[in-house]
PDB file of all heavy atoms in Angstrom:
ATOM      1  N   LEU A   1      -3.543  -9.749  -1.940  1.00  0.00           N
ATOM      2  CA  LEU A   1      -4.083  -9.640  -0.633  1.00  0.00           C
ATOM      3  C   LEU A   1      -5.234 -10.727  -0.391  1.00  0.00           C
ATOM      4  O   LEU A   1      -5.379 -11.253   0.698  1.00  0.00           O
ATOM      5  CB  LEU A   1      -4.610  -8.266  -0.259  1.00  0.00           C
ATOM      6  CG  LEU A   1      -3.472  -7.249  -0.102  1.00  0.00           C
ATOM      7  CD1 LEU A   1      -3.966  -5.798  -0.198  1.00  0.00           C
ATOM      8  CD2 LEU A   1      -2.817  -7.448   1.291  1.00  0.00           C
ATOM      9  N   GLU A   2      -6.015 -10.934  -1.397  1.00  0.00           N
ATOM     10  CA  GLU A   2      -7.107 -11.931  -1.280  1.00  0.00           C
ATOM     11  C   GLU A   2      -6.467 -13.307  -1.146  1.00  0.00           C
ATOM     12  O   GLU A   2      -6.960 -14.143  -0.358  1.00  0.00           O
ATOM     13  CB  GLU A   2      -8.030 -11.946  -2.497  1.00  0.00           C
ATOM     14  CG  GLU A   2      -8.967 -10.660  -2.512  1.00  0.00           C
ATOM     15  CD  GLU A   2      -9.816 -10.626  -3.678  1.00  0.00           C
ATOM     16  OE1 GLU A   2      -9.681 -11.616  -4.543  1.00  0.00           O
ATOM     17  OE2 GLU A   2     -10.733  -9.739  -3.783  1.00  0.00           O
ATOM     18  N   HIS A   3      -5.392 -13.670  -1.916  1.00  0.00           N
ATOM     19  CA  HIS A   3      -4.804 -14.939  -1.925  1.00  0.00           C
ATOM     20  C   HIS A   3      -4.032 -15.209  -0.683  1.00  0.00           C
ATOM     21  O   HIS A   3      -4.113 -16.299  -0.020  1.00  0.00           O
ATOM     22  CB  HIS A   3      -3.913 -15.180  -3.089  1.00  0.00           C
ATOM     23  CG  HIS A   3      -3.377 -16.576  -3.260  1.00  0.00           C
ATOM     24  ND1 HIS A   3      -4.236 -17.614  -3.652  1.00  0.00           N
ATOM     25  CD2 HIS A   3      -2.216 -17.125  -2.925  1.00  0.00           C
ATOM     26  CE1 HIS A   3      -3.498 -18.712  -3.624  1.00  0.00           C
ATOM     27  NE2 HIS A   3      -2.290 -18.418  -3.290  1.00  0.00           N
ATOM     28  N   VAL A   4      -3.289 -14.212  -0.199  1.00  0.00           N
ATOM     29  CA  VAL A   4      -2.562 -14.470   1.110  1.00  0.00           C
ATOM     30  C   VAL A   4      -3.536 -14.618   2.251  1.00  0.00           C
ATOM     31  O   VAL A   4      -3.319 -15.415   3.189  1.00  0.00           O
ATOM     32  CB  VAL A   4      -1.494 -13.341   1.370  1.00  0.00           C
ATOM     33  CG1 VAL A   4      -0.900 -13.433   2.763  1.00  0.00           C
ATOM     34  CG2 VAL A   4      -0.401 -13.319   0.279  1.00  0.00           C
ATOM     35  N   SER A   5      -4.507 -13.818   2.239  1.00  0.00           N
ATOM     36  CA  SER A   5      -5.633 -13.928   3.200  1.00  0.00           C
ATOM     37  C   SER A   5      -5.149 -14.065   4.673  1.00  0.00           C
ATOM     38  O   SER A   5      -5.643 -14.861   5.429  1.00  0.00           O
ATOM     39  CB  SER A   5      -6.526 -15.175   2.821  1.00  0.00           C
ATOM     40  OG  SER A   5      -7.688 -15.191   3.571  1.00  0.00           O
ATOM     41  N   GLY A   6      -4.231 -13.149   5.045  1.00  0.00           N
ATOM     42  CA  GLY A   6      -3.851 -13.089   6.403  1.00  0.00           C
ATOM     43  C   GLY A   6      -2.778 -14.110   6.914  1.00  0.00           C
ATOM     44  O   GLY A   6      -2.431 -14.145   8.049  1.00  0.00           O
ATOM     45  N   ARG A   7      -2.332 -14.971   5.930  1.00  0.00           N
ATOM     46  CA  ARG A   7      -1.422 -15.990   6.451  1.00  0.00           C
ATOM     47  C   ARG A   7      -0.079 -15.398   6.905  1.00  0.00           C
ATOM     48  O   ARG A   7       0.554 -15.834   7.824  1.00  0.00           O
ATOM     49  CB  ARG A   7      -1.177 -17.012   5.304  1.00  0.00           C
ATOM     50  CG  ARG A   7      -2.312 -17.937   5.019  1.00  0.00           C
ATOM     51  CD  ARG A   7      -2.013 -18.844   3.872  1.00  0.00           C
ATOM     52  NE  ARG A   7      -2.131 -18.219   2.527  1.00  0.00           N
ATOM     53  CZ  ARG A   7      -1.707 -18.721   1.440  1.00  0.00           C
ATOM     54  NH1 ARG A   7      -1.112 -19.897   1.374  1.00  0.00           N
ATOM     55  NH2 ARG A   7      -1.825 -18.037   0.286  1.00  0.00           N
ATOM     56  N   VAL A   8       0.326 -14.270   6.207  1.00  0.00           N
ATOM     57  CA  VAL A   8       1.400 -13.486   6.699  1.00  0.00           C
ATOM     58  C   VAL A   8       1.038 -12.055   6.361  1.00  0.00           C
ATOM     59  O   VAL A   8       0.239 -11.780   5.492  1.00  0.00           O
ATOM     60  CB  VAL A   8       2.839 -13.862   5.966  1.00  0.00           C
ATOM     61  CG1 VAL A   8       3.244 -15.273   6.281  1.00  0.00           C
ATOM     62  CG2 VAL A   8       2.649 -13.611   4.520  1.00  0.00           C
ATOM     63  N   PRO A   9       1.660 -11.033   7.080  1.00  0.00           N
ATOM     64  CA  PRO A   9       1.392  -9.657   6.809  1.00  0.00           C
ATOM     65  C   PRO A   9       1.868  -9.368   5.346  1.00  0.00           C
ATOM     66  O   PRO A   9       2.898  -9.889   4.863  1.00  0.00           O
ATOM     67  CB  PRO A   9       2.224  -8.888   7.774  1.00  0.00           C
ATOM     68  CG  PRO A   9       2.426  -9.880   8.905  1.00  0.00           C
ATOM     69  CD  PRO A   9       2.535 -11.188   8.243  1.00  0.00           C
ATOM     70  N   VAL A  10       1.179  -8.518   4.617  1.00  0.00           N
ATOM     71  CA  VAL A  10       1.550  -8.056   3.278  1.00  0.00           C
ATOM     72  C   VAL A  10       1.804  -6.565   3.365  1.00  0.00           C
ATOM     73  O   VAL A  10       1.019  -5.741   3.814  1.00  0.00           O
ATOM     74  CB  VAL A  10       0.467  -8.410   2.252  1.00  0.00           C
ATOM     75  CG1 VAL A  10       0.904  -7.842   0.811  1.00  0.00           C
ATOM     76  CG2 VAL A  10       0.258  -9.931   2.107  1.00  0.00           C
ATOM     77  N   ILE A  11       3.009  -6.183   2.793  1.00  0.00           N
ATOM     78  CA  ILE A  11       3.366  -4.798   2.740  1.00  0.00           C
ATOM     79  C   ILE A  11       3.150  -4.383   1.306  1.00  0.00           C
ATOM     80  O   ILE A  11       3.715  -5.081   0.350  1.00  0.00           O
ATOM     81  CB  ILE A  11       4.811  -4.593   3.077  1.00  0.00           C
ATOM     82  CG1 ILE A  11       5.088  -5.165   4.552  1.00  0.00           C
ATOM     83  CG2 ILE A  11       5.313  -3.162   3.018  1.00  0.00           C
ATOM     84  CD1 ILE A  11       6.533  -5.528   4.869  1.00  0.00           C
ATOM     85  N   VAL A  12       2.428  -3.297   1.024  1.00  0.00           N
ATOM     86  CA  VAL A  12       2.101  -2.828  -0.310  1.00  0.00           C
ATOM     87  C   VAL A  12       2.942  -1.493  -0.531  1.00  0.00           C
ATOM     88  O   VAL A  12       2.826  -0.568   0.196  1.00  0.00           O
ATOM     89  CB  VAL A  12       0.724  -2.546  -0.449  1.00  0.00           C
ATOM     90  CG1 VAL A  12       0.403  -1.962  -1.900  1.00  0.00           C
ATOM     91  CG2 VAL A  12      -0.168  -3.787  -0.326  1.00  0.00           C
ATOM     92  N   THR A  13       3.715  -1.515  -1.628  1.00  0.00           N
ATOM     93  CA  THR A  13       4.523  -0.377  -1.989  1.00  0.00           C
ATOM     94  C   THR A  13       3.626   0.661  -2.729  1.00  0.00           C
ATOM     95  O   THR A  13       2.918   0.220  -3.689  1.00  0.00           O
ATOM     96  CB  THR A  13       5.700  -0.773  -2.859  1.00  0.00           C
ATOM     97  OG1 THR A  13       6.458  -1.794  -2.240  1.00  0.00           O
ATOM     98  CG2 THR A  13       6.617   0.450  -3.121  1.00  0.00           C
ATOM     99  N   THR A  14       3.654   1.860  -2.326  1.00  0.00           N
ATOM    100  CA  THR A  14       2.734   2.856  -2.806  1.00  0.00           C
ATOM    101  C   THR A  14       3.456   4.055  -3.430  1.00  0.00           C
ATOM    102  O   THR A  14       2.868   5.142  -3.574  1.00  0.00           O
ATOM    103  CB  THR A  14       1.720   3.387  -1.801  1.00  0.00           C
ATOM    104  OG1 THR A  14       2.427   3.868  -0.626  1.00  0.00           O
ATOM    105  CG2 THR A  14       0.867   2.193  -1.281  1.00  0.00           C
ATOM    106  N   SER A  15       4.759   3.958  -3.642  1.00  0.00           N
ATOM    107  CA  SER A  15       5.596   5.117  -4.084  1.00  0.00           C
ATOM    108  C   SER A  15       5.095   5.772  -5.322  1.00  0.00           C
ATOM    109  O   SER A  15       4.645   5.041  -6.272  1.00  0.00           O
ATOM    110  CB  SER A  15       7.025   4.580  -4.300  1.00  0.00           C
ATOM    111  OG  SER A  15       7.567   3.978  -3.160  1.00  0.00           O
ATOM    112  N   HIS A  16       5.106   7.025  -5.356  1.00  0.00           N
ATOM    113  CA  HIS A  16       4.767   7.850  -6.561  1.00  0.00           C
ATOM    114  C   HIS A  16       5.247   9.276  -6.279  1.00  0.00           C
ATOM    115  O   HIS A  16       5.323   9.630  -5.158  1.00  0.00           O
ATOM    116  CB  HIS A  16       3.292   7.750  -6.846  1.00  0.00           C
ATOM    117  CG  HIS A  16       2.941   8.218  -8.238  1.00  0.00           C
ATOM    118  ND1 HIS A  16       2.832   9.529  -8.589  1.00  0.00           N
ATOM    119  CD2 HIS A  16       2.664   7.502  -9.307  1.00  0.00           C
ATOM    120  CE1 HIS A  16       2.438   9.666  -9.851  1.00  0.00           C
ATOM    121  NE2 HIS A  16       2.344   8.344 -10.339  1.00  0.00           N
ATOM    122  N   PHE A  17       5.431  10.031  -7.354  1.00  0.00           N
ATOM    123  CA  PHE A  17       5.844  11.377  -7.220  1.00  0.00           C
ATOM    124  C   PHE A  17       4.678  12.220  -6.650  1.00  0.00           C
ATOM    125  O   PHE A  17       4.793  13.088  -5.894  1.00  0.00           O
ATOM    126  CB  PHE A  17       6.341  11.988  -8.503  1.00  0.00           C
ATOM    127  CG  PHE A  17       6.781  13.484  -8.387  1.00  0.00           C
ATOM    128  CD1 PHE A  17       8.017  13.693  -7.882  1.00  0.00           C
ATOM    129  CD2 PHE A  17       5.934  14.489  -8.819  1.00  0.00           C
ATOM    130  CE1 PHE A  17       8.465  14.996  -7.795  1.00  0.00           C
ATOM    131  CE2 PHE A  17       6.420  15.771  -8.700  1.00  0.00           C
ATOM    132  CZ  PHE A  17       7.644  16.114  -8.217  1.00  0.00           C
ATOM    133  N   SER A  18       3.459  11.924  -7.069  1.00  0.00           N
ATOM    134  CA  SER A  18       2.328  12.654  -6.795  1.00  0.00           C
ATOM    135  C   SER A  18       1.767  12.258  -5.303  1.00  0.00           C
ATOM    136  O   SER A  18       1.513  11.098  -5.043  1.00  0.00           O
ATOM    137  CB  SER A  18       1.176  12.436  -7.707  1.00  0.00           C
ATOM    138  OG  SER A  18      -0.087  12.855  -7.162  1.00  0.00           O
ATOM    139  N   THR A  19       1.700  13.197  -4.401  1.00  0.00           N
ATOM    140  CA  THR A  19       1.219  12.974  -3.055  1.00  0.00           C
ATOM    141  C   THR A  19      -0.212  12.358  -3.120  1.00  0.00           C
ATOM    142  O   THR A  19      -0.591  11.486  -2.391  1.00  0.00           O
ATOM    143  CB  THR A  19       1.234  14.156  -2.205  1.00  0.00           C
ATOM    144  OG1 THR A  19       2.651  14.659  -2.150  1.00  0.00           O
ATOM    145  CG2 THR A  19       0.737  13.917  -0.817  1.00  0.00           C
ATOM    146  N   GLN A  20      -1.047  12.955  -4.019  1.00  0.00           N
ATOM    147  CA  GLN A  20      -2.392  12.538  -4.043  1.00  0.00           C
ATOM    148  C   GLN A  20      -2.499  11.075  -4.548  1.00  0.00           C
ATOM    149  O   GLN A  20      -3.363  10.312  -4.009  1.00  0.00           O
ATOM    150  CB  GLN A  20      -3.270  13.415  -4.966  1.00  0.00           C
ATOM    151  CG  GLN A  20      -4.686  13.079  -4.940  1.00  0.00           C
ATOM    152  CD  GLN A  20      -5.417  13.200  -3.671  1.00  0.00           C
ATOM    153  OE1 GLN A  20      -5.285  14.236  -3.025  1.00  0.00           O
ATOM    154  NE2 GLN A  20      -6.010  12.076  -3.195  1.00  0.00           N
ATOM    155  N   VAL A  21      -1.670  10.701  -5.492  1.00  0.00           N
ATOM    156  CA  VAL A  21      -1.636   9.320  -5.981  1.00  0.00           C
ATOM    157  C   VAL A  21      -1.236   8.388  -4.813  1.00  0.00           C
ATOM    158  O   VAL A  21      -1.850   7.259  -4.667  1.00  0.00           O
ATOM    159  CB  VAL A  21      -0.747   9.167  -7.212  1.00  0.00           C
ATOM    160  CG1 VAL A  21      -0.590   7.658  -7.471  1.00  0.00           C
ATOM    161  CG2 VAL A  21      -1.282   9.856  -8.409  1.00  0.00           C
ATOM    162  N   VAL A  22      -0.233   8.756  -4.025  1.00  0.00           N
ATOM    163  CA  VAL A  22       0.254   7.956  -2.908  1.00  0.00           C
ATOM    164  C   VAL A  22      -0.946   7.836  -1.938  1.00  0.00           C
ATOM    165  O   VAL A  22      -1.121   6.763  -1.345  1.00  0.00           O
ATOM    166  CB  VAL A  22       1.421   8.633  -2.310  1.00  0.00           C
ATOM    167  CG1 VAL A  22       1.749   8.040  -0.935  1.00  0.00           C
ATOM    168  CG2 VAL A  22       2.654   8.458  -3.162  1.00  0.00           C
ATOM    169  N   VAL A  23      -1.622   8.903  -1.659  1.00  0.00           N
ATOM    170  CA  VAL A  23      -2.777   8.850  -0.638  1.00  0.00           C
ATOM    171  C   VAL A  23      -3.850   7.938  -1.141  1.00  0.00           C
ATOM    172  O   VAL A  23      -4.371   7.056  -0.423  1.00  0.00           O
ATOM    173  CB  VAL A  23      -3.350  10.311  -0.477  1.00  0.00           C
ATOM    174  CG1 VAL A  23      -4.696  10.226   0.250  1.00  0.00           C
ATOM    175  CG2 VAL A  23      -2.358  11.096   0.409  1.00  0.00           C
ATOM    176  N   ASP A  24      -4.142   7.970  -2.467  1.00  0.00           N
ATOM    177  CA  ASP A  24      -5.207   7.124  -3.073  1.00  0.00           C
ATOM    178  C   ASP A  24      -4.753   5.716  -2.962  1.00  0.00           C
ATOM    179  O   ASP A  24      -5.528   4.796  -2.628  1.00  0.00           O
ATOM    180  CB  ASP A  24      -5.457   7.519  -4.488  1.00  0.00           C
ATOM    181  CG  ASP A  24      -6.153   8.849  -4.608  1.00  0.00           C
ATOM    182  OD1 ASP A  24      -6.689   9.290  -3.627  1.00  0.00           O
ATOM    183  OD2 ASP A  24      -6.095   9.387  -5.734  1.00  0.00           O
ATOM    184  N   ARG A  25      -3.453   5.411  -3.350  1.00  0.00           N
ATOM    185  CA  ARG A  25      -2.974   4.026  -3.277  1.00  0.00           C
ATOM    186  C   ARG A  25      -2.949   3.510  -1.843  1.00  0.00           C
ATOM    187  O   ARG A  25      -3.226   2.353  -1.579  1.00  0.00           O
ATOM    188  CB  ARG A  25      -1.576   3.961  -3.817  1.00  0.00           C
ATOM    189  CG  ARG A  25      -1.476   4.163  -5.297  1.00  0.00           C
ATOM    190  CD  ARG A  25      -0.021   4.075  -5.767  1.00  0.00           C
ATOM    191  NE  ARG A  25       0.133   4.127  -7.320  1.00  0.00           N
ATOM    192  CZ  ARG A  25       1.256   4.208  -7.891  1.00  0.00           C
ATOM    193  NH1 ARG A  25       2.428   4.076  -7.278  1.00  0.00           N
ATOM    194  NH2 ARG A  25       1.237   4.067  -9.241  1.00  0.00           N
ATOM    195  N   ALA A  26      -2.512   4.402  -0.871  1.00  0.00           N
ATOM    196  CA  ALA A  26      -2.574   3.974   0.530  1.00  0.00           C
ATOM    197  C   ALA A  26      -3.878   3.593   0.990  1.00  0.00           C
ATOM    198  O   ALA A  26      -4.066   2.565   1.712  1.00  0.00           O
ATOM    199  CB  ALA A  26      -1.882   5.073   1.328  1.00  0.00           C
ATOM    200  N   ARG A  27      -4.899   4.378   0.735  1.00  0.00           N
ATOM    201  CA  ARG A  27      -6.300   4.008   1.153  1.00  0.00           C
ATOM    202  C   ARG A  27      -6.714   2.683   0.560  1.00  0.00           C
ATOM    203  O   ARG A  27      -7.345   1.951   1.233  1.00  0.00           O
ATOM    204  CB  ARG A  27      -7.219   5.192   0.845  1.00  0.00           C
ATOM    205  CG  ARG A  27      -7.053   6.420   1.638  1.00  0.00           C
ATOM    206  CD  ARG A  27      -7.930   7.529   1.171  1.00  0.00           C
ATOM    207  NE  ARG A  27      -7.898   8.721   2.155  1.00  0.00           N
ATOM    208  CZ  ARG A  27      -8.073   9.954   1.687  1.00  0.00           C
ATOM    209  NH1 ARG A  27      -8.310  10.223   0.462  1.00  0.00           N
ATOM    210  NH2 ARG A  27      -7.965  10.969   2.568  1.00  0.00           N
ATOM    211  N   GLU A  28      -6.448   2.531  -0.689  1.00  0.00           N
ATOM    212  CA  GLU A  28      -6.902   1.317  -1.395  1.00  0.00           C
ATOM    213  C   GLU A  28      -6.240   0.106  -0.754  1.00  0.00           C
ATOM    214  O   GLU A  28      -6.900  -0.957  -0.469  1.00  0.00           O
ATOM    215  CB  GLU A  28      -6.612   1.394  -2.849  1.00  0.00           C
ATOM    216  CG  GLU A  28      -6.980   0.106  -3.666  1.00  0.00           C
ATOM    217  CD  GLU A  28      -6.565   0.157  -5.115  1.00  0.00           C
ATOM    218  OE1 GLU A  28      -5.612   0.780  -5.413  1.00  0.00           O
ATOM    219  OE2 GLU A  28      -7.298  -0.408  -5.921  1.00  0.00           O
ATOM    220  N   ALA A  29      -4.875   0.173  -0.479  1.00  0.00           N
ATOM    221  CA  ALA A  29      -4.156  -0.918   0.027  1.00  0.00           C
ATOM    222  C   ALA A  29      -4.674  -1.311   1.384  1.00  0.00           C
ATOM    223  O   ALA A  29      -4.821  -2.445   1.697  1.00  0.00           O
ATOM    224  CB  ALA A  29      -2.601  -0.564   0.056  1.00  0.00           C
ATOM    225  N   GLU A  30      -4.903  -0.285   2.270  1.00  0.00           N
ATOM    226  CA  GLU A  30      -5.399  -0.621   3.584  1.00  0.00           C
ATOM    227  C   GLU A  30      -6.788  -1.162   3.527  1.00  0.00           C
ATOM    228  O   GLU A  30      -7.097  -2.166   4.204  1.00  0.00           O
ATOM    229  CB  GLU A  30      -5.459   0.665   4.457  1.00  0.00           C
ATOM    230  CG  GLU A  30      -5.944   0.458   5.870  1.00  0.00           C
ATOM    231  CD  GLU A  30      -5.995   1.656   6.774  1.00  0.00           C
ATOM    232  OE1 GLU A  30      -6.377   2.754   6.253  1.00  0.00           O
ATOM    233  OE2 GLU A  30      -5.652   1.579   7.882  1.00  0.00           O
ATOM    234  N   ALA A  31      -7.697  -0.655   2.637  1.00  0.00           N
ATOM    235  CA  ALA A  31      -9.008  -1.225   2.535  1.00  0.00           C
ATOM    236  C   ALA A  31      -9.050  -2.712   2.104  1.00  0.00           C
ATOM    237  O   ALA A  31      -9.937  -3.463   2.502  1.00  0.00           O
ATOM    238  CB  ALA A  31      -9.791  -0.366   1.554  1.00  0.00           C
ATOM    239  N   LEU A  32      -7.989  -3.095   1.335  1.00  0.00           N
ATOM    240  CA  LEU A  32      -7.895  -4.449   0.803  1.00  0.00           C
ATOM    241  C   LEU A  32      -7.246  -5.398   1.795  1.00  0.00           C
ATOM    242  O   LEU A  32      -7.205  -6.590   1.563  1.00  0.00           O
ATOM    243  CB  LEU A  32      -7.241  -4.513  -0.514  1.00  0.00           C
ATOM    244  CG  LEU A  32      -8.001  -3.871  -1.706  1.00  0.00           C
ATOM    245  CD1 LEU A  32      -7.084  -3.802  -2.927  1.00  0.00           C
ATOM    246  CD2 LEU A  32      -9.262  -4.775  -2.018  1.00  0.00           C
ATOM    247  N   GLY A  33      -6.627  -4.812   2.810  1.00  0.00           N
ATOM    248  CA  GLY A  33      -6.054  -5.718   3.984  1.00  0.00           C
ATOM    249  C   GLY A  33      -4.584  -5.590   4.073  1.00  0.00           C
ATOM    250  O   GLY A  33      -3.962  -6.444   4.751  1.00  0.00           O
ATOM    251  N   ALA A  34      -3.881  -4.581   3.533  1.00  0.00           N
ATOM    252  CA  ALA A  34      -2.501  -4.449   3.711  1.00  0.00           C
ATOM    253  C   ALA A  34      -2.114  -4.290   5.159  1.00  0.00           C
ATOM    254  O   ALA A  34      -2.869  -3.530   5.858  1.00  0.00           O
ATOM    255  CB  ALA A  34      -1.998  -3.231   2.874  1.00  0.00           C
ATOM    256  N   ALA A  35      -1.048  -4.762   5.635  1.00  0.00           N
ATOM    257  CA  ALA A  35      -0.574  -4.692   7.008  1.00  0.00           C
ATOM    258  C   ALA A  35       0.388  -3.502   7.145  1.00  0.00           C
ATOM    259  O   ALA A  35       0.526  -2.941   8.223  1.00  0.00           O
ATOM    260  CB  ALA A  35       0.064  -5.931   7.465  1.00  0.00           C
ATOM    261  N   MET A  36       0.968  -3.080   6.048  1.00  0.00           N
ATOM    262  CA  MET A  36       1.934  -1.973   6.105  1.00  0.00           C
ATOM    263  C   MET A  36       2.092  -1.378   4.653  1.00  0.00           C
ATOM    264  O   MET A  36       1.764  -2.104   3.672  1.00  0.00           O
ATOM    265  CB  MET A  36       3.279  -2.394   6.607  1.00  0.00           C
ATOM    266  CG  MET A  36       4.369  -1.399   6.761  1.00  0.00           C
ATOM    267  SD  MET A  36       5.976  -2.083   7.244  1.00  0.00           S
ATOM    268  CE  MET A  36       5.614  -2.810   8.804  1.00  0.00           C
ATOM    269  N   LEU A  37       2.483  -0.168   4.588  1.00  0.00           N
ATOM    270  CA  LEU A  37       2.874   0.483   3.332  1.00  0.00           C
ATOM    271  C   LEU A  37       4.374   0.634   3.303  1.00  0.00           C
ATOM    272  O   LEU A  37       4.954   0.804   4.352  1.00  0.00           O
ATOM    273  CB  LEU A  37       2.166   1.741   3.131  1.00  0.00           C
ATOM    274  CG  LEU A  37       0.672   1.860   3.341  1.00  0.00           C
ATOM    275  CD1 LEU A  37       0.218   3.348   3.203  1.00  0.00           C
ATOM    276  CD2 LEU A  37      -0.025   0.967   2.352  1.00  0.00           C
ATOM    277  N   MET A  38       4.876   0.632   2.029  1.00  0.00           N
ATOM    278  CA  MET A  38       6.350   1.088   1.888  1.00  0.00           C
ATOM    279  C   MET A  38       6.346   2.202   0.819  1.00  0.00           C
ATOM    280  O   MET A  38       5.701   2.110  -0.188  1.00  0.00           O
ATOM    281  CB  MET A  38       7.248  -0.103   1.475  1.00  0.00           C
ATOM    282  CG  MET A  38       8.697   0.311   1.403  1.00  0.00           C
ATOM    283  SD  MET A  38       9.886  -1.000   1.238  1.00  0.00           S
ATOM    284  CE  MET A  38       9.644  -1.407  -0.568  1.00  0.00           C
ATOM    285  N   MET A  39       7.068   3.280   1.145  1.00  0.00           N
ATOM    286  CA  MET A  39       7.200   4.455   0.284  1.00  0.00           C
ATOM    287  C   MET A  39       8.603   4.958   0.130  1.00  0.00           C
ATOM    288  O   MET A  39       9.304   4.948   1.059  1.00  0.00           O
ATOM    289  CB  MET A  39       6.293   5.543   0.805  1.00  0.00           C
ATOM    290  CG  MET A  39       4.842   5.289   0.836  1.00  0.00           C
ATOM    291  SD  MET A  39       3.968   6.571   1.868  1.00  0.00           S
ATOM    292  CE  MET A  39       4.613   8.041   1.128  1.00  0.00           C
ATOM    293  N   MET A  40       8.988   5.198  -1.105  1.00  0.00           N
ATOM    294  CA  MET A  40      10.137   6.042  -1.307  1.00  0.00           C
ATOM    295  C   MET A  40       9.745   7.534  -1.243  1.00  0.00           C
ATOM    296  O   MET A  40       8.571   7.889  -1.414  1.00  0.00           O
ATOM    297  CB  MET A  40      10.801   5.688  -2.670  1.00  0.00           C
ATOM    298  CG  MET A  40      11.262   4.223  -2.768  1.00  0.00           C
ATOM    299  SD  MET A  40      12.132   3.967  -4.340  1.00  0.00           S
ATOM    300  CE  MET A  40      13.665   4.791  -4.046  1.00  0.00           C
ATOM    301  N   PRO A  41      10.694   8.404  -1.046  1.00  0.00           N
ATOM    302  CA  PRO A  41      10.374   9.884  -1.117  1.00  0.00           C
ATOM    303  C   PRO A  41       9.936  10.156  -2.586  1.00  0.00           C
ATOM    304  O   PRO A  41      10.286   9.442  -3.536  1.00  0.00           O
ATOM    305  CB  PRO A  41      11.659  10.485  -0.742  1.00  0.00           C
ATOM    306  CG  PRO A  41      12.713   9.513  -1.023  1.00  0.00           C
ATOM    307  CD  PRO A  41      12.086   8.204  -0.762  1.00  0.00           C
ATOM    308  N   PRO A  42       9.179  11.224  -2.763  1.00  0.00           N
ATOM    309  CA  PRO A  42       8.770  11.557  -4.125  1.00  0.00           C
ATOM    310  C   PRO A  42       9.976  12.009  -4.934  1.00  0.00           C
ATOM    311  O   PRO A  42      10.831  12.752  -4.556  1.00  0.00           O
ATOM    312  CB  PRO A  42       7.783  12.733  -3.921  1.00  0.00           C
ATOM    313  CG  PRO A  42       8.202  13.374  -2.587  1.00  0.00           C
ATOM    314  CD  PRO A  42       8.742  12.253  -1.724  1.00  0.00           C
ATOM    315  N   TYR A  43       9.979  11.458  -6.206  1.00  0.00           N
ATOM    316  CA  TYR A  43      11.097  11.782  -7.116  1.00  0.00           C
ATOM    317  C   TYR A  43      10.612  11.481  -8.525  1.00  0.00           C
ATOM    318  O   TYR A  43       9.714  10.715  -8.761  1.00  0.00           O
ATOM    319  CB  TYR A  43      12.324  10.949  -6.858  1.00  0.00           C
ATOM    320  CG  TYR A  43      12.232   9.511  -7.235  1.00  0.00           C
ATOM    321  CD1 TYR A  43      12.742   9.065  -8.447  1.00  0.00           C
ATOM    322  CD2 TYR A  43      11.618   8.609  -6.408  1.00  0.00           C
ATOM    323  CE1 TYR A  43      12.672   7.753  -8.780  1.00  0.00           C
ATOM    324  CE2 TYR A  43      11.543   7.227  -6.786  1.00  0.00           C
ATOM    325  CZ  TYR A  43      12.003   6.815  -7.956  1.00  0.00           C
ATOM    326  OH  TYR A  43      11.922   5.585  -8.283  1.00  0.00           O
TER     327      TYR A  43
END
């Protein structure tokens, strides 16, 4: 995210079985500048 620096949107995948881990990853990705998240269902 620092290197792309807004040149194009960056989608960060946050998939995990644990909902809390997904939430933590989602917050971190947004705080660092992610434009979108991608997630698989928990498995």
